[in-house]
Amino acid sequence: MPDSPIWKQIPTGGLEILPGSTSRNLTGAWRTERPVVDFAKCTHCMICWVDCPDACFEVSEEELTGVDLDHCKGCGICAGVCPAKCIVMVSENEFSEAAQ
């Protein structure tokens, strides 16, 4: 058995060497549900912005202004952490049918 710890023996994988590459990868098509924000109820506490793993919330002058749906994967974390309950997850199928 080698002298080095087992975690050092694991080969490196999944390295991202080009900074900002996630902004070039549009992942919104993976989503089955999208966050819909009721801005009238939003208190702009920014908890959704902090907790979003994909940095999908758009902010201007310290207020939530929108959602970057090109990068949102629809995880629903934002809706779960929102204290004002102004974010709901809507099925992409229902959303597209309502838009038609």
PDB file of N, CA and C in Angstrom:
ATOM      1  N   MET A   1       0.854  -1.179   0.000  1.00  0.00           N
ATOM      2  CA  MET A   1       0.000   0.000   0.000  1.00  0.00           C
ATOM      3  C   MET A   1       0.900   1.241   0.000  1.00  0.00           C
ATOM      4  N   PRO A   2       0.585   2.225  -0.856  1.00  0.00           N
ATOM      5  CA  PRO A   2       1.395   3.447  -0.910  1.00  0.00           C
ATOM      6  C   PRO A   2       1.306   4.225   0.403  1.00  0.00           C
ATOM      7  N   ASP A   3       2.345   5.045   0.640  1.00  0.00           N
ATOM      8  CA  ASP A   3       2.397   5.843   1.863  1.00  0.00           C
ATOM      9  C   ASP A   3       1.461   7.046   1.830  1.00  0.00           C
ATOM     10  N   SER A   4       1.062   7.524   0.638  1.00  0.00           N
ATOM     11  CA  SER A   4       0.216   8.717   0.552  1.00  0.00           C
ATOM     12  C   SER A   4      -1.225   8.373   0.913  1.00  0.00           C
ATOM     13  N   PRO A   5      -1.957   9.354   1.460  1.00  0.00           N
ATOM     14  CA  PRO A   5      -3.374   9.128   1.800  1.00  0.00           C
ATOM     15  C   PRO A   5      -4.167   8.722   0.553  1.00  0.00           C
ATOM     16  N   ILE A   6      -5.214   7.970   0.765  1.00  0.00           N
ATOM     17  CA  ILE A   6      -6.003   7.428  -0.340  1.00  0.00           C
ATOM     18  C   ILE A   6      -6.587   8.540  -1.219  1.00  0.00           C
ATOM     19  N   TRP A   7      -6.962   9.676  -0.609  1.00  0.00           N
ATOM     20  CA  TRP A   7      -7.552  10.752  -1.408  1.00  0.00           C
ATOM     21  C   TRP A   7      -6.538  11.355  -2.372  1.00  0.00           C
ATOM     22  N   LYS A   8      -5.264  11.276  -2.067  1.00  0.00           N
ATOM     23  CA  LYS A   8      -4.236  11.787  -2.983  1.00  0.00           C
ATOM     24  C   LYS A   8      -4.002  10.844  -4.158  1.00  0.00           C
ATOM     25  N   GLN A   9      -4.471   9.618  -4.055  1.00  0.00           N
ATOM     26  CA  GLN A   9      -4.292   8.642  -5.116  1.00  0.00           C
ATOM     27  C   GLN A   9      -5.383   8.736  -6.182  1.00  0.00           C
ATOM     28  N   ILE A  10      -6.443   9.445  -5.901  1.00  0.00           N
ATOM     29  CA  ILE A  10      -7.551   9.593  -6.847  1.00  0.00           C
ATOM     30  C   ILE A  10      -7.109  10.523  -7.973  1.00  0.00           C
ATOM     31  N   PRO A  11      -7.257  10.101  -9.225  1.00  0.00           N
ATOM     32  CA  PRO A  11      -6.839  10.972 -10.335  1.00  0.00           C
ATOM     33  C   PRO A  11      -7.734  12.208 -10.429  1.00  0.00           C
ATOM     34  N   THR A  12      -7.126  13.315 -10.822  1.00  0.00           N
ATOM     35  CA  THR A  12      -7.863  14.556 -10.988  1.00  0.00           C
ATOM     36  C   THR A  12      -8.822  14.426 -12.162  1.00  0.00           C
ATOM     37  N   GLY A  13     -10.024  14.934 -12.002  1.00  0.00           N
ATOM     38  CA  GLY A  13     -11.002  14.885 -13.085  1.00  0.00           C
ATOM     39  C   GLY A  13     -11.934  16.071 -13.014  1.00  0.00           C
ATOM     40  N   GLY A  14     -12.520  16.403 -14.108  1.00  0.00           N
ATOM     41  CA  GLY A  14     -13.497  17.486 -14.149  1.00  0.00           C
ATOM     42  C   GLY A  14     -12.918  18.855 -13.907  1.00  0.00           C
ATOM     43  N   LEU A  15     -11.679  19.078 -14.305  1.00  0.00           N
ATOM     44  CA  LEU A  15     -11.067  20.393 -14.117  1.00  0.00           C
ATOM     45  C   LEU A  15     -11.561  21.368 -15.163  1.00  0.00           C
ATOM     46  N   GLU A  16     -11.891  22.547 -14.747  1.00  0.00           N
ATOM     47  CA  GLU A  16     -12.279  23.619 -15.670  1.00  0.00           C
ATOM     48  C   GLU A  16     -11.117  24.586 -15.730  1.00  0.00           C
ATOM     49  N   ILE A  17     -10.473  24.685 -16.879  1.00  0.00           N
ATOM     50  CA  ILE A  17      -9.273  25.506 -16.975  1.00  0.00           C
ATOM     51  C   ILE A  17      -9.523  26.868 -17.620  1.00  0.00           C
ATOM     52  N   LEU A  18     -10.685  27.059 -18.223  1.00  0.00           N
ATOM     53  CA  LEU A  18     -11.000  28.344 -18.831  1.00  0.00           C
ATOM     54  C   LEU A  18     -11.976  29.104 -17.940  1.00  0.00           C
ATOM     55  N   PRO A  19     -11.555  30.206 -17.329  1.00  0.00           N
ATOM     56  CA  PRO A  19     -12.450  30.948 -16.442  1.00  0.00           C
ATOM     57  C   PRO A  19     -13.684  31.461 -17.191  1.00  0.00           C
ATOM     58  N   GLY A  20     -14.803  31.449 -16.506  1.00  0.00           N
ATOM     59  CA  GLY A  20     -16.041  31.980 -17.074  1.00  0.00           C
ATOM     60  C   GLY A  20     -16.720  31.041 -18.050  1.00  0.00           C
ATOM     61  N   SER A  21     -16.290  29.804 -18.115  1.00  0.00           N
ATOM     62  CA  SER A  21     -16.852  28.891 -19.112  1.00  0.00           C
ATOM     63  C   SER A  21     -18.316  28.564 -18.831  1.00  0.00           C
ATOM     64  N   THR A  22     -18.734  28.614 -17.569  1.00  0.00           N
ATOM     65  CA  THR A  22     -20.135  28.299 -17.289  1.00  0.00           C
ATOM     66  C   THR A  22     -21.068  29.339 -17.881  1.00  0.00           C
ATOM     67  N   SER A  23     -20.604  30.564 -18.055  1.00  0.00           N
ATOM     68  CA  SER A  23     -21.469  31.577 -18.671  1.00  0.00           C
ATOM     69  C   SER A  23     -21.664  31.308 -20.157  1.00  0.00           C
ATOM     70  N   ARG A  24     -20.775  30.537 -20.760  1.00  0.00           N
ATOM     71  CA  ARG A  24     -20.907  30.199 -22.175  1.00  0.00           C
ATOM     72  C   ARG A  24     -21.772  28.965 -22.401  1.00  0.00           C
ATOM     73  N   ASN A  25     -22.044  28.205 -21.362  1.00  0.00           N
ATOM     74  CA  ASN A  25     -22.839  26.981 -21.485  1.00  0.00           C
ATOM     75  C   ASN A  25     -24.277  27.257 -21.065  1.00  0.00           C
ATOM     76  N   LEU A  26     -25.156  27.308 -22.027  1.00  0.00           N
ATOM     77  CA  LEU A  26     -26.569  27.555 -21.740  1.00  0.00           C
ATOM     78  C   LEU A  26     -27.201  26.244 -21.284  1.00  0.00           C
ATOM     79  N   THR A  27     -27.608  26.208 -20.029  1.00  0.00           N
ATOM     80  CA  THR A  27     -28.119  24.977 -19.429  1.00  0.00           C
ATOM     81  C   THR A  27     -29.610  25.049 -19.110  1.00  0.00           C
ATOM     82  N   GLY A  28     -30.266  26.126 -19.487  1.00  0.00           N
ATOM     83  CA  GLY A  28     -31.683  26.280 -19.176  1.00  0.00           C
ATOM     84  C   GLY A  28     -32.570  25.234 -19.822  1.00  0.00           C
ATOM     85  N   ALA A  29     -32.129  24.636 -20.911  1.00  0.00           N
ATOM     86  CA  ALA A  29     -32.927  23.618 -21.588  1.00  0.00           C
ATOM     87  C   ALA A  29     -33.044  22.335 -20.766  1.00  0.00           C
ATOM     88  N   TRP A  30     -32.215  22.174 -19.739  1.00  0.00           N
ATOM     89  CA  TRP A  30     -32.287  20.998 -18.887  1.00  0.00           C
ATOM     90  C   TRP A  30     -33.490  21.046 -17.957  1.00  0.00           C
ATOM     91  N   ARG A  31     -34.018  22.220 -17.769  1.00  0.00           N
ATOM     92  CA  ARG A  31     -35.018  22.497 -16.744  1.00  0.00           C
ATOM     93  C   ARG A  31     -36.367  21.847 -17.075  1.00  0.00           C
ATOM     94  N   THR A  32     -37.050  21.324 -16.057  1.00  0.00           N
ATOM     95  CA  THR A  32     -38.429  20.852 -16.205  1.00  0.00           C
ATOM     96  C   THR A  32     -39.399  21.799 -15.507  1.00  0.00           C
ATOM     97  N   GLU A  33     -38.866  22.599 -14.574  1.00  0.00           N
ATOM     98  CA  GLU A  33     -39.667  23.618 -13.902  1.00  0.00           C
ATOM     99  C   GLU A  33     -38.885  24.922 -13.904  1.00  0.00           C
ATOM    100  N   ARG A  34     -39.612  26.035 -13.957  1.00  0.00           N
ATOM    101  CA  ARG A  34     -38.947  27.341 -13.927  1.00  0.00           C
ATOM    102  C   ARG A  34     -39.457  28.161 -12.754  1.00  0.00           C
ATOM    103  N   PRO A  35     -38.591  29.003 -12.197  1.00  0.00           N
ATOM    104  CA  PRO A  35     -39.028  29.887 -11.119  1.00  0.00           C
ATOM    105  C   PRO A  35     -39.791  31.075 -11.701  1.00  0.00           C
ATOM    106  N   VAL A  36     -40.936  31.349 -11.125  1.00  0.00           N
ATOM    107  CA  VAL A  36     -41.726  32.526 -11.503  1.00  0.00           C
ATOM    108  C   VAL A  36     -41.807  33.406 -10.265  1.00  0.00           C
ATOM    109  N   VAL A  37     -41.369  34.660 -10.415  1.00  0.00           N
ATOM    110  CA  VAL A  37     -41.277  35.576  -9.278  1.00  0.00           C
ATOM    111  C   VAL A  37     -42.424  36.572  -9.320  1.00  0.00           C
ATOM    112  N   ASP A  38     -43.127  36.714  -8.201  1.00  0.00           N
ATOM    113  CA  ASP A  38     -44.143  37.751  -8.039  1.00  0.00           C
ATOM    114  C   ASP A  38     -43.425  38.967  -7.438  1.00  0.00           C
ATOM    115  N   PHE A  39     -43.005  39.881  -8.291  1.00  0.00           N
ATOM    116  CA  PHE A  39     -42.213  41.024  -7.834  1.00  0.00           C
ATOM    117  C   PHE A  39     -42.987  41.949  -6.905  1.00  0.00           C
ATOM    118  N   ALA A  40     -44.314  41.908  -6.945  1.00  0.00           N
ATOM    119  CA  ALA A  40     -45.114  42.729  -6.033  1.00  0.00           C
ATOM    120  C   ALA A  40     -44.961  42.252  -4.587  1.00  0.00           C
ATOM    121  N   LYS A  41     -44.706  40.959  -4.397  1.00  0.00           N
ATOM    122  CA  LYS A  41     -44.528  40.399  -3.056  1.00  0.00           C
ATOM    123  C   LYS A  41     -43.065  40.334  -2.628  1.00  0.00           C
ATOM    124  N   CYS A  42     -42.142  40.500  -3.573  1.00  0.00           N
ATOM    125  CA  CYS A  42     -40.718  40.355  -3.296  1.00  0.00           C
ATOM    126  C   CYS A  42     -40.223  41.471  -2.370  1.00  0.00           C
ATOM    127  N   THR A  43     -39.470  41.091  -1.340  1.00  0.00           N
ATOM    128  CA  THR A  43     -38.922  42.064  -0.392  1.00  0.00           C
ATOM    129  C   THR A  43     -37.465  42.413  -0.715  1.00  0.00           C
ATOM    130  N   HIS A  44     -36.926  41.802  -1.769  1.00  0.00           N
ATOM    131  CA  HIS A  44     -35.539  42.039  -2.213  1.00  0.00           C
ATOM    132  C   HIS A  44     -34.535  41.726  -1.109  1.00  0.00           C
ATOM    133  N   CYS A  45     -34.807  40.644  -0.387  1.00  0.00           N
ATOM    134  CA  CYS A  45     -33.899  40.209   0.677  1.00  0.00           C
ATOM    135  C   CYS A  45     -32.640  39.560   0.113  1.00  0.00           C
ATOM    136  N   MET A  46     -32.689  39.139  -1.127  1.00  0.00           N
ATOM    137  CA  MET A  46     -31.561  38.547  -1.867  1.00  0.00           C
ATOM    138  C   MET A  46     -31.152  37.152  -1.385  1.00  0.00           C
ATOM    139  N   ILE A  47     -31.984  36.506  -0.595  1.00  0.00           N
ATOM    140  CA  ILE A  47     -31.656  35.150  -0.160  1.00  0.00           C
ATOM    141  C   ILE A  47     -31.638  34.210  -1.363  1.00  0.00           C
ATOM    142  N   CYS A  48     -32.547  34.384  -2.304  1.00  0.00           N
ATOM    143  CA  CYS A  48     -32.556  33.551  -3.511  1.00  0.00           C
ATOM    144  C   CYS A  48     -31.269  33.759  -4.305  1.00  0.00           C
ATOM    145  N   TRP A  49     -30.823  34.986  -4.396  1.00  0.00           N
ATOM    146  CA  TRP A  49     -29.600  35.324  -5.129  1.00  0.00           C
ATOM    147  C   TRP A  49     -28.388  34.660  -4.488  1.00  0.00           C
ATOM    148  N   VAL A  50     -28.342  34.683  -3.160  1.00  0.00           N
ATOM    149  CA  VAL A  50     -27.221  34.080  -2.439  1.00  0.00           C
ATOM    150  C   VAL A  50     -27.224  32.560  -2.588  1.00  0.00           C
ATOM    151  N   ASP A  51     -28.387  31.931  -2.495  1.00  0.00           N
ATOM    152  CA  ASP A  51     -28.471  30.473  -2.475  1.00  0.00           C
ATOM    153  C   ASP A  51     -28.530  29.818  -3.851  1.00  0.00           C
ATOM    154  N   CYS A  52     -28.767  30.565  -4.902  1.00  0.00           N
ATOM    155  CA  CYS A  52     -28.864  29.983  -6.241  1.00  0.00           C
ATOM    156  C   CYS A  52     -27.507  29.426  -6.668  1.00  0.00           C
ATOM    157  N   PRO A  53     -27.423  28.115  -6.918  1.00  0.00           N
ATOM    158  CA  PRO A  53     -26.133  27.528  -7.291  1.00  0.00           C
ATOM    159  C   PRO A  53     -25.657  27.937  -8.678  1.00  0.00           C
ATOM    160  N   ASP A  54     -26.536  28.507  -9.481  1.00  0.00           N
ATOM    161  CA  ASP A  54     -26.172  28.888 -10.844  1.00  0.00           C
ATOM    162  C   ASP A  54     -26.142  30.395 -11.060  1.00  0.00           C
ATOM    163  N   ALA A  55     -26.264  31.169  -9.988  1.00  0.00           N
ATOM    164  CA  ALA A  55     -26.229  32.637 -10.067  1.00  0.00           C
ATOM    165  C   ALA A  55     -27.183  33.160 -11.132  1.00  0.00           C
ATOM    166  N   CYS A  56     -28.422  32.697 -11.076  1.00  0.00           N
ATOM    167  CA  CYS A  56     -29.398  33.025 -12.113  1.00  0.00           C
ATOM    168  C   CYS A  56     -30.236  34.270 -11.831  1.00  0.00           C
ATOM    169  N   PHE A  57     -30.111  34.826 -10.649  1.00  0.00           N
ATOM    170  CA  PHE A  57     -30.949  35.980 -10.344  1.00  0.00           C
ATOM    171  C   PHE A  57     -30.265  37.269 -10.757  1.00  0.00           C
ATOM    172  N   GLU A  58     -31.019  38.080 -11.490  1.00  0.00           N
ATOM    173  CA  GLU A  58     -30.500  39.357 -11.964  1.00  0.00           C
ATOM    174  C   GLU A  58     -30.849  40.435 -10.945  1.00  0.00           C
ATOM    175  N   VAL A  59     -29.861  41.260 -10.637  1.00  0.00           N
ATOM    176  CA  VAL A  59     -30.012  42.286  -9.612  1.00  0.00           C
ATOM    177  C   VAL A  59     -29.548  43.618 -10.177  1.00  0.00           C
ATOM    178  N   SER A  60     -30.301  44.669  -9.858  1.00  0.00           N
ATOM    179  CA  SER A  60     -29.916  46.023 -10.243  1.00  0.00           C
ATOM    180  C   SER A  60     -30.230  46.946  -9.081  1.00  0.00           C
ATOM    181  N   GLU A  61     -29.259  47.730  -8.689  1.00  0.00           N
ATOM    182  CA  GLU A  61     -29.423  48.683  -7.583  1.00  0.00           C
ATOM    183  C   GLU A  61     -29.995  48.007  -6.343  1.00  0.00           C
ATOM    184  N   GLU A  62     -29.422  46.851  -6.007  1.00  0.00           N
ATOM    185  CA  GLU A  62     -29.773  46.096  -4.805  1.00  0.00           C
ATOM    186  C   GLU A  62     -31.212  45.600  -4.792  1.00  0.00           C
ATOM    187  N   GLU A  63     -31.800  45.417  -5.977  1.00  0.00           N
ATOM    188  CA  GLU A  63     -33.140  44.844  -6.069  1.00  0.00           C
ATOM    189  C   GLU A  63     -33.140  43.726  -7.090  1.00  0.00           C
ATOM    190  N   LEU A  64     -33.907  42.677  -6.796  1.00  0.00           N
ATOM    191  CA  LEU A  64     -34.079  41.577  -7.722  1.00  0.00           C
ATOM    192  C   LEU A  64     -34.867  42.083  -8.925  1.00  0.00           C
ATOM    193  N   THR A  65     -34.339  41.848 -10.124  1.00  0.00           N
ATOM    194  CA  THR A  65     -35.004  42.356 -11.326  1.00  0.00           C
ATOM    195  C   THR A  65     -35.433  41.264 -12.297  1.00  0.00           C
ATOM    196  N   GLY A  66     -34.907  40.061 -12.146  1.00  0.00           N
ATOM    197  CA  GLY A  66     -35.288  39.007 -13.076  1.00  0.00           C
ATOM    198  C   GLY A  66     -34.529  37.725 -12.828  1.00  0.00           C
ATOM    199  N   VAL A  67     -34.809  36.749 -13.704  1.00  0.00           N
ATOM    200  CA  VAL A  67     -34.172  35.438 -13.620  1.00  0.00           C
ATOM    201  C   VAL A  67     -33.540  35.139 -14.973  1.00  0.00           C
ATOM    202  N   ASP A  68     -32.285  34.723 -14.952  1.00  0.00           N
ATOM    203  CA  ASP A  68     -31.580  34.331 -16.166  1.00  0.00           C
ATOM    204  C   ASP A  68     -31.971  32.894 -16.494  1.00  0.00           C
ATOM    205  N   LEU A  69     -32.989  32.735 -17.331  1.00  0.00           N
ATOM    206  CA  LEU A  69     -33.507  31.411 -17.642  1.00  0.00           C
ATOM    207  C   LEU A  69     -32.594  30.630 -18.582  1.00  0.00           C
ATOM    208  N   ASP A  70     -31.617  31.289 -19.188  1.00  0.00           N
ATOM    209  CA  ASP A  70     -30.658  30.575 -20.033  1.00  0.00           C
ATOM    210  C   ASP A  70     -29.745  29.675 -19.209  1.00  0.00           C
ATOM    211  N   HIS A  71     -29.583  30.009 -17.920  1.00  0.00           N
ATOM    212  CA  HIS A  71     -28.687  29.238 -17.063  1.00  0.00           C
ATOM    213  C   HIS A  71     -29.400  28.533 -15.907  1.00  0.00           C
ATOM    214  N   CYS A  72     -30.643  28.873 -15.637  1.00  0.00           N
ATOM    215  CA  CYS A  72     -31.402  28.248 -14.545  1.00  0.00           C
ATOM    216  C   CYS A  72     -31.719  26.795 -14.897  1.00  0.00           C
ATOM    217  N   LYS A  73     -31.384  25.892 -13.986  1.00  0.00           N
ATOM    218  CA  LYS A  73     -31.652  24.473 -14.199  1.00  0.00           C
ATOM    219  C   LYS A  73     -32.945  24.018 -13.521  1.00  0.00           C
ATOM    220  N   GLY A  74     -33.636  24.924 -12.838  1.00  0.00           N
ATOM    221  CA  GLY A  74     -34.924  24.588 -12.238  1.00  0.00           C
ATOM    222  C   GLY A  74     -34.841  23.762 -10.976  1.00  0.00           C
ATOM    223  N   CYS A  75     -33.791  23.938 -10.192  1.00  0.00           N
ATOM    224  CA  CYS A  75     -33.610  23.125  -8.981  1.00  0.00           C
ATOM    225  C   CYS A  75     -34.638  23.448  -7.897  1.00  0.00           C
ATOM    226  N   GLY A  76     -35.157  24.688  -7.876  1.00  0.00           N
ATOM    227  CA  GLY A  76     -36.171  25.058  -6.895  1.00  0.00           C
ATOM    228  C   GLY A  76     -35.634  25.525  -5.561  1.00  0.00           C
ATOM    229  N   ILE A  77     -34.338  25.618  -5.410  1.00  0.00           N
ATOM    230  CA  ILE A  77     -33.758  26.093  -4.148  1.00  0.00           C
ATOM    231  C   ILE A  77     -34.286  27.484  -3.836  1.00  0.00           C
ATOM    232  N   CYS A  78     -34.369  28.335  -4.835  1.00  0.00           N
ATOM    233  CA  CYS A  78     -34.837  29.709  -4.630  1.00  0.00           C
ATOM    234  C   CYS A  78     -36.234  29.741  -4.020  1.00  0.00           C
ATOM    235  N   ALA A  79     -37.130  28.927  -4.554  1.00  0.00           N
ATOM    236  CA  ALA A  79     -38.497  28.887  -4.035  1.00  0.00           C
ATOM    237  C   ALA A  79     -38.525  28.357  -2.606  1.00  0.00           C
ATOM    238  N   GLY A  80     -37.649  27.425  -2.312  1.00  0.00           N
ATOM    239  CA  GLY A  80     -37.596  26.844  -0.968  1.00  0.00           C
ATOM    240  C   GLY A  80     -37.069  27.787   0.091  1.00  0.00           C
ATOM    241  N   VAL A  81     -36.155  28.682  -0.293  1.00  0.00           N
ATOM    242  CA  VAL A  81     -35.554  29.575   0.705  1.00  0.00           C
ATOM    243  C   VAL A  81     -36.221  30.942   0.789  1.00  0.00           C
ATOM    244  N   CYS A  82     -37.099  31.263  -0.130  1.00  0.00           N
ATOM    245  CA  CYS A  82     -37.716  32.591  -0.163  1.00  0.00           C
ATOM    246  C   CYS A  82     -38.649  32.803   1.035  1.00  0.00           C
ATOM    247  N   PRO A  83     -38.313  33.738   1.940  1.00  0.00           N
ATOM    248  CA  PRO A  83     -39.172  33.958   3.102  1.00  0.00           C
ATOM    249  C   PRO A  83     -40.500  34.618   2.743  1.00  0.00           C
ATOM    250  N   ALA A  84     -40.542  35.361   1.649  1.00  0.00           N
ATOM    251  CA  ALA A  84     -41.781  36.024   1.230  1.00  0.00           C
ATOM    252  C   ALA A  84     -42.685  35.097   0.415  1.00  0.00           C
ATOM    253  N   LYS A  85     -42.162  33.918   0.069  1.00  0.00           N
ATOM    254  CA  LYS A  85     -42.895  32.938  -0.748  1.00  0.00           C
ATOM    255  C   LYS A  85     -43.396  33.565  -2.048  1.00  0.00           C
ATOM    256  N   CYS A  86     -42.550  34.420  -2.643  1.00  0.00           N
ATOM    257  CA  CYS A  86     -42.938  35.070  -3.892  1.00  0.00           C
ATOM    258  C   CYS A  86     -42.396  34.346  -5.121  1.00  0.00           C
ATOM    259  N   ILE A  87     -41.675  33.241  -4.905  1.00  0.00           N
ATOM    260  CA  ILE A  87     -41.150  32.448  -6.018  1.00  0.00           C
ATOM    261  C   ILE A  87     -41.846  31.096  -6.003  1.00  0.00           C
ATOM    262  N   VAL A  88     -42.459  30.758  -7.125  1.00  0.00           N
ATOM    263  CA  VAL A  88     -43.071  29.440  -7.270  1.00  0.00           C
ATOM    264  C   VAL A  88     -42.457  28.760  -8.475  1.00  0.00           C
ATOM    265  N   MET A  89     -42.366  27.442  -8.402  1.00  0.00           N
ATOM    266  CA  MET A  89     -41.851  26.661  -9.511  1.00  0.00           C
ATOM    267  C   MET A  89     -43.028  26.215 -10.363  1.00  0.00           C
ATOM    268  N   VAL A  90     -42.944  26.502 -11.654  1.00  0.00           N
ATOM    269  CA  VAL A  90     -44.016  26.179 -12.592  1.00  0.00           C
ATOM    270  C   VAL A  90     -43.465  25.213 -13.633  1.00  0.00           C
ATOM    271  N   SER A  91     -44.213  24.172 -13.907  1.00  0.00           N
ATOM    272  CA  SER A  91     -43.810  23.201 -14.918  1.00  0.00           C
ATOM    273  C   SER A  91     -43.593  23.887 -16.257  1.00  0.00           C
ATOM    274  N   GLU A  92     -42.519  23.548 -16.934  1.00  0.00           N
ATOM    275  CA  GLU A  92     -42.248  24.127 -18.254  1.00  0.00           C
ATOM    276  C   GLU A  92     -43.394  23.825 -19.214  1.00  0.00           C
ATOM    277  N   ASN A  93     -44.005  22.638 -19.112  1.00  0.00           N
ATOM    278  CA  ASN A  93     -45.132  22.295 -19.976  1.00  0.00           C
ATOM    279  C   ASN A  93     -46.312  23.230 -19.734  1.00  0.00           C
ATOM    280  N   GLU A  94     -46.639  23.457 -18.469  1.00  0.00           N
ATOM    281  CA  GLU A  94     -47.760  24.343 -18.136  1.00  0.00           C
ATOM    282  C   GLU A  94     -47.441  25.777 -18.554  1.00  0.00           C
ATOM    283  N   PHE A  95     -46.192  26.201 -18.354  1.00  0.00           N
ATOM    284  CA  PHE A  95     -45.807  27.551 -18.679  1.00  0.00           C
ATOM    285  C   PHE A  95     -45.905  27.795 -20.180  1.00  0.00           C
ATOM    286  N   SER A  96     -45.424  26.878 -20.994  1.00  0.00           N
ATOM    287  CA  SER A  96     -45.482  27.049 -22.437  1.00  0.00           C
ATOM    288  C   SER A  96     -46.904  26.966 -22.961  1.00  0.00           C
ATOM    289  N   GLU A  97     -47.755  26.145 -22.351  1.00  0.00           N
ATOM    290  CA  GLU A  97     -49.156  26.069 -22.758  1.00  0.00           C
ATOM    291  C   GLU A  97     -49.886  27.369 -22.412  1.00  0.00           C
ATOM    292  N   ALA A  98     -49.568  27.961 -21.256  1.00  0.00           N
ATOM    293  CA  ALA A  98     -50.217  29.218 -20.847  1.00  0.00           C
ATOM    294  C   ALA A  98     -49.791  30.374 -21.752  1.00  0.00           C
ATOM    295  N   ALA A  99     -48.563  30.310 -22.254  1.00  0.00           N
ATOM    296  CA  ALA A  99     -48.061  31.378 -23.112  1.00  0.00           C
ATOM    297  C   ALA A  99     -48.697  31.359 -24.505  1.00  0.00           C
ATOM    298  N   GLN A 100     -49.225  30.196 -24.895  1.00  0.00           N
ATOM    299  CA  GLN A 100     -49.794  30.074 -26.245  1.00  0.00           C
ATOM    300  C   GLN A 100     -51.186  30.585 -26.331  1.00  0.00           C
TER     301      GLN A 100
END
